[in-house]
N, C-alpha and C. Protein backbone atom coordinates (compact mmCIF):
# COMPACT_ATOMS: atom_id res chain seq x y z
N MET A 1 -13.31 34.74 -3.81
CA MET A 1 -14.39 34.06 -4.49
C MET A 1 -14.11 32.56 -4.48
N LYS A 2 -15.07 31.78 -4.01
CA LYS A 2 -14.94 30.33 -3.96
C LYS A 2 -15.58 29.72 -5.21
N VAL A 3 -14.90 28.75 -5.78
CA VAL A 3 -15.41 28.03 -6.95
C VAL A 3 -15.47 26.55 -6.59
N ASN A 4 -16.65 25.97 -6.68
CA ASN A 4 -16.85 24.57 -6.32
C ASN A 4 -17.06 23.71 -7.55
N SER A 5 -16.62 22.46 -7.45
CA SER A 5 -16.87 21.49 -8.50
C SER A 5 -17.00 20.12 -7.84
N THR A 6 -17.87 19.27 -8.39
CA THR A 6 -18.18 17.99 -7.75
C THR A 6 -18.12 16.86 -8.77
N LEU A 7 -17.58 15.75 -8.32
CA LEU A 7 -17.60 14.51 -9.10
C LEU A 7 -18.28 13.46 -8.24
N ARG A 8 -19.35 12.88 -8.75
CA ARG A 8 -20.12 11.92 -7.96
C ARG A 8 -20.08 10.55 -8.62
N TYR A 9 -20.21 9.52 -7.79
CA TYR A 9 -20.31 8.12 -8.21
C TYR A 9 -19.06 7.64 -8.96
N LEU A 10 -17.89 8.05 -8.52
CA LEU A 10 -16.65 7.54 -9.09
C LEU A 10 -16.45 6.11 -8.59
N ARG A 11 -16.21 5.18 -9.50
CA ARG A 11 -16.13 3.77 -9.13
C ARG A 11 -14.74 3.38 -8.63
N ILE A 12 -14.21 4.14 -7.68
CA ILE A 12 -12.96 3.84 -6.99
C ILE A 12 -13.24 4.03 -5.51
N ALA A 13 -12.69 3.17 -4.67
CA ALA A 13 -12.95 3.24 -3.24
C ALA A 13 -12.44 4.57 -2.66
N PRO A 14 -13.16 5.16 -1.72
CA PRO A 14 -12.77 6.46 -1.16
C PRO A 14 -11.40 6.44 -0.51
N ARG A 15 -11.04 5.32 0.09
CA ARG A 15 -9.74 5.21 0.74
C ARG A 15 -8.58 5.40 -0.25
N LYS A 16 -8.78 4.89 -1.46
CA LYS A 16 -7.75 5.03 -2.50
C LYS A 16 -7.75 6.44 -3.10
N VAL A 17 -8.92 7.06 -3.18
CA VAL A 17 -9.02 8.41 -3.74
C VAL A 17 -8.41 9.43 -2.79
N ARG A 18 -8.59 9.20 -1.48
CA ARG A 18 -8.04 10.13 -0.49
C ARG A 18 -6.52 10.22 -0.54
N LEU A 19 -5.86 9.13 -0.94
CA LEU A 19 -4.40 9.17 -1.07
C LEU A 19 -3.98 10.20 -2.11
N VAL A 20 -4.73 10.30 -3.20
CA VAL A 20 -4.43 11.27 -4.26
C VAL A 20 -4.86 12.67 -3.84
N ALA A 21 -6.00 12.77 -3.15
CA ALA A 21 -6.50 14.07 -2.72
C ALA A 21 -5.53 14.74 -1.75
N ASN A 22 -4.89 13.95 -0.90
CA ASN A 22 -3.94 14.52 0.06
C ASN A 22 -2.71 15.11 -0.62
N LEU A 23 -2.41 14.65 -1.82
CA LEU A 23 -1.24 15.17 -2.54
C LEU A 23 -1.44 16.62 -2.99
N ILE A 24 -2.68 17.00 -3.31
CA ILE A 24 -2.91 18.33 -3.89
C ILE A 24 -3.58 19.31 -2.94
N ARG A 25 -3.93 18.87 -1.75
CA ARG A 25 -4.63 19.77 -0.80
C ARG A 25 -3.72 20.94 -0.44
N GLY A 26 -4.23 22.17 -0.64
CA GLY A 26 -3.48 23.37 -0.28
C GLY A 26 -2.50 23.86 -1.34
N LYS A 27 -2.36 23.15 -2.44
CA LYS A 27 -1.41 23.53 -3.49
C LYS A 27 -2.06 24.53 -4.46
N ARG A 28 -1.22 25.25 -5.19
CA ARG A 28 -1.72 26.11 -6.26
C ARG A 28 -2.30 25.21 -7.35
N ALA A 29 -3.26 25.74 -8.09
CA ALA A 29 -4.00 24.93 -9.06
C ALA A 29 -3.08 24.39 -10.17
N GLU A 30 -2.18 25.21 -10.67
CA GLU A 30 -1.28 24.75 -11.74
C GLU A 30 -0.30 23.70 -11.22
N GLN A 31 0.16 23.85 -9.98
CA GLN A 31 1.05 22.86 -9.39
C GLN A 31 0.29 21.55 -9.16
N ALA A 32 -0.97 21.65 -8.74
CA ALA A 32 -1.79 20.46 -8.53
C ALA A 32 -2.02 19.72 -9.85
N GLN A 33 -2.20 20.46 -10.94
CA GLN A 33 -2.34 19.84 -12.25
C GLN A 33 -1.10 19.01 -12.60
N THR A 34 0.05 19.58 -12.36
CA THR A 34 1.31 18.87 -12.66
C THR A 34 1.45 17.62 -11.81
N ILE A 35 1.12 17.72 -10.54
CA ILE A 35 1.21 16.56 -9.65
C ILE A 35 0.29 15.45 -10.12
N LEU A 36 -0.95 15.80 -10.46
CA LEU A 36 -1.90 14.79 -10.90
C LEU A 36 -1.53 14.18 -12.24
N ARG A 37 -0.94 14.98 -13.11
CA ARG A 37 -0.56 14.49 -14.43
C ARG A 37 0.50 13.38 -14.33
N PHE A 38 1.37 13.45 -13.31
CA PHE A 38 2.46 12.48 -13.20
C PHE A 38 2.26 11.46 -12.08
N THR A 39 1.10 11.46 -11.46
CA THR A 39 0.80 10.45 -10.45
C THR A 39 0.24 9.22 -11.14
N THR A 40 0.70 8.03 -10.73
CA THR A 40 0.33 6.80 -11.43
C THR A 40 -0.90 6.12 -10.85
N ARG A 41 -1.51 6.66 -9.84
CA ARG A 41 -2.71 6.06 -9.25
C ARG A 41 -3.91 6.23 -10.18
N ALA A 42 -4.84 5.30 -10.11
CA ALA A 42 -6.01 5.32 -11.00
C ALA A 42 -6.90 6.53 -10.73
N ALA A 43 -6.94 7.01 -9.50
CA ALA A 43 -7.81 8.13 -9.16
C ALA A 43 -7.28 9.47 -9.65
N SER A 44 -6.05 9.51 -10.12
CA SER A 44 -5.47 10.80 -10.51
C SER A 44 -6.09 11.35 -11.79
N GLN A 45 -6.48 10.50 -12.72
CA GLN A 45 -7.07 10.99 -13.98
C GLN A 45 -8.45 11.62 -13.78
N PRO A 46 -9.38 10.97 -13.07
CA PRO A 46 -10.67 11.65 -12.83
C PRO A 46 -10.51 12.91 -11.99
N MET A 47 -9.56 12.91 -11.06
CA MET A 47 -9.36 14.09 -10.23
C MET A 47 -8.75 15.23 -11.04
N LEU A 48 -7.88 14.92 -11.99
CA LEU A 48 -7.33 15.95 -12.88
C LEU A 48 -8.44 16.55 -13.74
N LYS A 49 -9.34 15.71 -14.22
CA LYS A 49 -10.47 16.18 -15.00
C LYS A 49 -11.37 17.10 -14.17
N LEU A 50 -11.57 16.75 -12.90
CA LEU A 50 -12.38 17.57 -12.00
C LEU A 50 -11.70 18.90 -11.72
N LEU A 51 -10.38 18.89 -11.51
CA LEU A 51 -9.63 20.12 -11.27
C LEU A 51 -9.69 21.04 -12.49
N ASN A 52 -9.53 20.46 -13.68
CA ASN A 52 -9.63 21.26 -14.90
C ASN A 52 -11.02 21.87 -15.05
N SER A 53 -12.04 21.12 -14.67
CA SER A 53 -13.40 21.63 -14.73
C SER A 53 -13.60 22.80 -13.77
N ALA A 54 -13.06 22.68 -12.55
CA ALA A 54 -13.17 23.76 -11.57
C ALA A 54 -12.43 25.01 -12.04
N MET A 55 -11.27 24.82 -12.68
CA MET A 55 -10.50 25.96 -13.19
C MET A 55 -11.25 26.62 -14.35
N ALA A 56 -11.88 25.83 -15.20
CA ALA A 56 -12.66 26.39 -16.31
C ALA A 56 -13.87 27.14 -15.79
N ASN A 57 -14.51 26.63 -14.73
CA ASN A 57 -15.64 27.33 -14.11
C ASN A 57 -15.19 28.68 -13.57
N ALA A 58 -14.03 28.71 -12.93
CA ALA A 58 -13.52 29.96 -12.36
C ALA A 58 -13.23 30.98 -13.46
N LYS A 59 -12.67 30.50 -14.56
CA LYS A 59 -12.30 31.41 -15.64
C LYS A 59 -13.53 31.92 -16.40
N ASN A 60 -14.44 31.03 -16.75
CA ASN A 60 -15.57 31.41 -17.60
C ASN A 60 -16.74 32.03 -16.84
N ASN A 61 -17.03 31.51 -15.66
CA ASN A 61 -18.20 31.99 -14.92
C ASN A 61 -17.89 33.18 -14.02
N PHE A 62 -16.69 33.21 -13.44
CA PHE A 62 -16.36 34.24 -12.46
C PHE A 62 -15.24 35.17 -12.92
N HIS A 63 -14.70 34.95 -14.11
CA HIS A 63 -13.66 35.79 -14.70
C HIS A 63 -12.43 35.92 -13.78
N LEU A 64 -11.98 34.79 -13.24
CA LEU A 64 -10.79 34.76 -12.39
C LEU A 64 -9.61 34.25 -13.20
N GLU A 65 -8.42 34.67 -12.81
CA GLU A 65 -7.19 34.17 -13.44
C GLU A 65 -6.86 32.80 -12.85
N THR A 66 -6.57 31.83 -13.72
CA THR A 66 -6.28 30.47 -13.23
C THR A 66 -4.94 30.41 -12.51
N SER A 67 -4.05 31.35 -12.79
CA SER A 67 -2.74 31.34 -12.12
C SER A 67 -2.84 31.81 -10.67
N ASP A 68 -3.96 32.47 -10.30
CA ASP A 68 -4.14 32.96 -8.93
C ASP A 68 -4.94 32.02 -8.05
N LEU A 69 -5.29 30.83 -8.54
CA LEU A 69 -6.14 29.91 -7.79
C LEU A 69 -5.32 28.88 -7.03
N TYR A 70 -5.87 28.43 -5.89
CA TYR A 70 -5.28 27.32 -5.17
C TYR A 70 -6.40 26.42 -4.63
N VAL A 71 -6.04 25.18 -4.32
CA VAL A 71 -7.02 24.21 -3.84
C VAL A 71 -7.20 24.46 -2.35
N SER A 72 -8.29 25.15 -1.99
CA SER A 72 -8.50 25.49 -0.59
C SER A 72 -9.12 24.33 0.18
N LYS A 73 -9.96 23.55 -0.49
CA LYS A 73 -10.62 22.44 0.20
C LYS A 73 -10.88 21.33 -0.79
N ILE A 74 -10.59 20.10 -0.39
CA ILE A 74 -10.93 18.94 -1.20
C ILE A 74 -11.38 17.85 -0.25
N SER A 75 -12.55 17.30 -0.52
CA SER A 75 -13.07 16.25 0.36
C SER A 75 -13.51 15.06 -0.48
N VAL A 76 -13.28 13.88 0.06
CA VAL A 76 -13.67 12.64 -0.59
C VAL A 76 -14.64 11.93 0.34
N ASP A 77 -15.87 11.79 -0.11
CA ASP A 77 -16.90 11.15 0.70
C ASP A 77 -17.28 9.81 0.08
N GLU A 78 -17.88 8.97 0.91
CA GLU A 78 -18.29 7.65 0.47
C GLU A 78 -19.63 7.73 -0.26
N GLY A 79 -19.70 7.10 -1.42
CA GLY A 79 -20.95 7.03 -2.16
C GLY A 79 -21.65 5.72 -1.87
N PRO A 80 -22.70 5.41 -2.60
CA PRO A 80 -23.40 4.14 -2.37
C PRO A 80 -22.55 2.95 -2.81
N LYS A 81 -22.74 1.84 -2.12
CA LYS A 81 -22.00 0.62 -2.46
C LYS A 81 -22.85 -0.25 -3.38
N LEU A 82 -22.23 -0.77 -4.41
CA LEU A 82 -22.91 -1.72 -5.28
C LEU A 82 -22.69 -3.11 -4.68
N LYS A 83 -23.77 -3.80 -4.37
CA LYS A 83 -23.67 -5.10 -3.71
C LYS A 83 -23.71 -6.21 -4.76
N ARG A 84 -22.68 -7.05 -4.74
CA ARG A 84 -22.61 -8.19 -5.64
C ARG A 84 -22.34 -9.43 -4.81
N PHE A 85 -22.63 -10.60 -5.36
CA PHE A 85 -22.43 -11.85 -4.61
C PHE A 85 -21.59 -12.81 -5.42
N ARG A 86 -20.77 -13.58 -4.69
CA ARG A 86 -19.89 -14.55 -5.32
C ARG A 86 -20.16 -15.92 -4.70
N ALA A 87 -20.20 -16.92 -5.52
CA ALA A 87 -20.46 -18.27 -5.03
C ALA A 87 -19.27 -18.78 -4.22
N ARG A 88 -19.58 -19.41 -3.10
CA ARG A 88 -18.54 -19.98 -2.23
C ARG A 88 -18.85 -21.46 -1.99
N ALA A 89 -18.07 -22.09 -1.15
CA ALA A 89 -18.20 -23.52 -0.90
C ALA A 89 -19.53 -23.86 -0.22
N ARG A 90 -20.02 -25.07 -0.44
CA ARG A 90 -21.22 -25.64 0.18
C ARG A 90 -22.47 -24.80 -0.08
N GLY A 91 -22.56 -24.20 -1.26
CA GLY A 91 -23.77 -23.49 -1.64
C GLY A 91 -23.94 -22.13 -0.98
N GLN A 92 -22.92 -21.63 -0.35
CA GLN A 92 -23.02 -20.33 0.29
C GLN A 92 -22.68 -19.23 -0.71
N ALA A 93 -22.94 -17.99 -0.31
CA ALA A 93 -22.62 -16.83 -1.14
C ALA A 93 -21.90 -15.81 -0.26
N ALA A 94 -20.88 -15.18 -0.82
CA ALA A 94 -20.15 -14.13 -0.11
C ALA A 94 -20.45 -12.80 -0.80
N GLU A 95 -20.66 -11.78 0.01
CA GLU A 95 -20.99 -10.47 -0.54
C GLU A 95 -19.72 -9.73 -0.96
N ILE A 96 -19.78 -9.10 -2.12
CA ILE A 96 -18.70 -8.22 -2.59
C ILE A 96 -19.28 -6.82 -2.65
N GLN A 97 -18.62 -5.86 -2.01
CA GLN A 97 -19.07 -4.48 -2.04
C GLN A 97 -18.18 -3.68 -2.98
N LYS A 98 -18.77 -3.17 -4.04
CA LYS A 98 -18.03 -2.31 -4.98
C LYS A 98 -18.29 -0.88 -4.54
N LYS A 99 -17.26 -0.25 -4.00
CA LYS A 99 -17.43 1.06 -3.37
C LYS A 99 -17.33 2.19 -4.39
N THR A 100 -18.04 3.29 -4.11
CA THR A 100 -18.00 4.48 -4.94
C THR A 100 -17.62 5.69 -4.11
N SER A 101 -17.22 6.76 -4.77
CA SER A 101 -16.75 7.97 -4.10
C SER A 101 -17.44 9.20 -4.66
N HIS A 102 -17.58 10.21 -3.81
CA HIS A 102 -18.00 11.55 -4.21
C HIS A 102 -16.85 12.48 -3.87
N ILE A 103 -16.38 13.29 -4.84
CA ILE A 103 -15.27 14.22 -4.61
C ILE A 103 -15.79 15.65 -4.77
N ASN A 104 -15.49 16.50 -3.79
CA ASN A 104 -15.82 17.92 -3.84
C ASN A 104 -14.52 18.70 -3.78
N ILE A 105 -14.35 19.65 -4.69
CA ILE A 105 -13.14 20.47 -4.71
C ILE A 105 -13.56 21.93 -4.69
N THR A 106 -12.83 22.74 -3.90
CA THR A 106 -13.10 24.17 -3.81
C THR A 106 -11.81 24.91 -4.11
N LEU A 107 -11.87 25.81 -5.08
CA LEU A 107 -10.73 26.66 -5.41
C LEU A 107 -11.00 28.06 -4.93
N GLU A 108 -9.94 28.74 -4.46
CA GLU A 108 -10.04 30.13 -4.04
C GLU A 108 -8.88 30.91 -4.62
N GLU A 109 -9.06 32.23 -4.65
CA GLU A 109 -7.97 33.11 -5.10
C GLU A 109 -6.96 33.28 -4.00
N VAL A 110 -5.69 33.40 -4.39
CA VAL A 110 -4.62 33.66 -3.45
C VAL A 110 -4.75 35.11 -2.97
N LYS A 111 -4.68 35.30 -1.65
CA LYS A 111 -4.76 36.66 -1.12
C LYS A 111 -3.48 37.42 -1.44
N LYS A 112 -3.62 38.59 -2.02
CA LYS A 112 -2.44 39.41 -2.37
C LYS A 112 -2.19 40.41 -1.26
N LYS A 113 -0.92 40.58 -0.91
CA LYS A 113 -0.56 41.50 0.16
C LYS A 113 -0.38 42.91 -0.36
C-alpha cells in the first residue's frame, strides 16, 4: 500500500531541499525521522513535519504499522518563483528570484519474506 503526502510552496530553494531529501531516500520511516531531527539544515524541519504527516496518514487512513514503513520515493520539484527587484547603480534594477519548492513523499510497507 502506497501512502502519499505533499508539501507545496515551501520558501526554500529546491537545490537546498534536495540535499536533505537525499539523506532519507530509501530509509525506514523511523530512521528517517531520527536523521531529520538531528540535521541542521533549514529544510529538515518542514520535511520532518511532512514525514510525520505521511506516517499519520498511513496509520489512521490505511491502518498500517508505522514501524513497517519506509520512504520509497521522495521528489523535490521547483515551484513558482517570486520576482523581486533591487535598486542598482545608475537607476537600474536587478531581479531577485525567491525560489519555492514542492515536496512529494511516498511511503510503502516493507515486504516480509
